[in-house]
C-alpha cells in the first residue's frame, strides 16, 4: 500500500477489528463453543476480510493504477495487469 494513502488509518482500524474477530474465534474454540456458532463467526470474519480486500483494491485502482495510466508507458500496463491478477485471486477465494 502506498504510504501516502489518505485512508491508511481507516484500513488499520478495520484490520484491528478483524484481528479482534480472529482472537474471538480462538477463545470460542478454547471454550468449546458450539460448532455452528464458531462457523457463524468464521463467516463474519471472512466477509470482513473480503470487504477489506475490496476497499484496498479500490484504493489501488484509484491511486496507483490511475497515476500509472496518467504517466503512460510500460508502468501503466504493469499496474493494470497487477490489478487484474488481484481481482482474479479475489474471485477465486
Protein backbone atom coordinates (compact mmCIF):
# COMPACT_ATOMS: atom_id res chain seq x y z
CA UNK A 1 0.00 0.00 0.00
CA UNK A 2 1.30 3.41 -0.84
CA UNK A 3 2.32 5.24 2.32
CA UNK A 4 0.52 8.36 1.12
CA UNK A 5 -2.87 6.67 1.28
CA UNK A 6 -5.42 9.03 2.79
CA UNK A 7 -7.32 6.02 4.11
CA UNK A 8 -4.42 4.34 5.93
CA UNK A 9 -5.89 4.95 9.40
CA UNK A 10 -9.26 3.55 8.29
CA UNK A 11 -7.56 0.46 6.88
CA UNK A 12 -5.63 -0.08 10.11
CA UNK A 13 -8.82 0.26 12.19
CA UNK A 14 -10.55 -2.34 10.02
CA UNK A 15 -7.62 -4.73 10.35
CA UNK A 16 -7.60 -4.32 14.13
CA UNK A 17 -11.31 -5.13 14.21
CA UNK A 18 -10.69 -8.24 12.09
CA UNK A 19 -7.82 -9.20 14.38
CA UNK A 20 -10.24 -8.96 17.30
CA UNK A 21 -12.67 -11.23 15.47
CA UNK A 22 -9.93 -13.81 14.96
CA UNK A 23 -8.95 -13.65 18.63
CA UNK A 24 -12.62 -14.13 19.46
CA UNK A 25 -12.64 -17.27 17.32
CA UNK A 26 -9.64 -18.59 19.23
CA UNK A 27 -11.46 -18.01 22.53
CA UNK A 28 -14.56 -19.74 21.17
CA UNK A 29 -12.52 -22.83 20.28
CA UNK A 30 -10.73 -22.77 23.65
CA UNK A 31 -14.11 -22.60 25.40
CA UNK A 32 -15.55 -25.44 23.31
CA UNK A 33 -18.25 -23.21 21.83
CA UNK A 34 -20.90 -24.95 19.74
CA UNK A 35 -19.52 -25.61 16.24
CA UNK A 36 -22.27 -23.78 14.37
CA UNK A 37 -21.65 -20.65 16.45
CA UNK A 38 -17.93 -20.81 15.61
CA UNK A 39 -18.73 -21.29 11.92
CA UNK A 40 -21.02 -18.27 12.01
CA UNK A 41 -18.16 -16.17 13.34
CA UNK A 42 -15.76 -17.62 10.75
CA UNK A 43 -18.18 -16.49 8.08
CA UNK A 44 -18.34 -12.99 9.57
CA UNK A 45 -14.53 -12.75 9.72
CA UNK A 46 -14.25 -13.97 6.13
CA UNK A 47 -16.74 -11.33 4.96
CA UNK A 48 -14.81 -8.66 6.86
CA UNK A 49 -11.57 -9.68 5.14
CA UNK A 50 -13.27 -9.70 1.74
CA UNK A 51 -14.67 -6.25 2.39
CA UNK A 52 -11.22 -5.01 3.40
CA UNK A 53 -9.68 -6.51 0.27
CA UNK A 54 -12.25 -4.81 -1.96
CA UNK A 55 -11.66 -1.43 -0.31
CA UNK A 56 -7.90 -1.87 -0.71
CA UNK A 57 -8.31 -2.86 -4.35
CA UNK A 58 -10.48 0.20 -4.93
CA UNK A 59 -7.77 2.37 -3.33
CA UNK A 60 -5.12 0.76 -5.54
CA UNK A 61 -7.10 1.41 -8.71
CA UNK A 62 -8.00 4.97 -7.72
CA UNK A 63 -4.43 5.83 -6.78
CA UNK A 64 -1.70 3.60 -8.16
CA UNK A 65 -3.33 2.44 -11.39
CA UNK A 66 -4.79 5.84 -12.23
CA UNK A 67 -1.42 7.56 -11.65
CA UNK A 68 0.43 4.97 -13.75
CA UNK A 69 -2.03 5.39 -16.62
CA UNK A 70 -1.66 9.18 -16.44
CA UNK A 71 2.12 8.77 -16.68
CA UNK A 72 1.80 6.28 -19.53
CA UNK A 73 4.47 3.90 -20.66
CA UNK A 74 5.12 0.35 -19.56
CA UNK A 75 4.26 1.08 -15.91
CA UNK A 76 0.61 1.62 -16.87
CA UNK A 77 0.33 -1.84 -18.39
CA UNK A 78 2.08 -3.38 -15.40
CA UNK A 79 -0.30 -1.76 -12.90
CA UNK A 80 -3.38 -2.81 -14.89
CA UNK A 81 -2.11 -6.40 -15.08
CA UNK A 82 -1.42 -6.41 -11.34
CA UNK A 83 -4.95 -5.17 -10.64
CA UNK A 84 -6.44 -7.80 -12.95
CA UNK A 85 -4.44 -10.55 -11.24
CA UNK A 86 -5.53 -9.31 -7.81
CA UNK A 87 -9.16 -9.32 -8.93
CA UNK A 88 -8.77 -12.88 -10.24
CA UNK A 89 -7.31 -14.02 -6.90
CA UNK A 90 -10.18 -12.41 -5.00
CA UNK A 91 -12.78 -14.02 -7.25
CA UNK A 92 -11.19 -17.47 -6.76
CA UNK A 93 -11.09 -17.15 -2.98
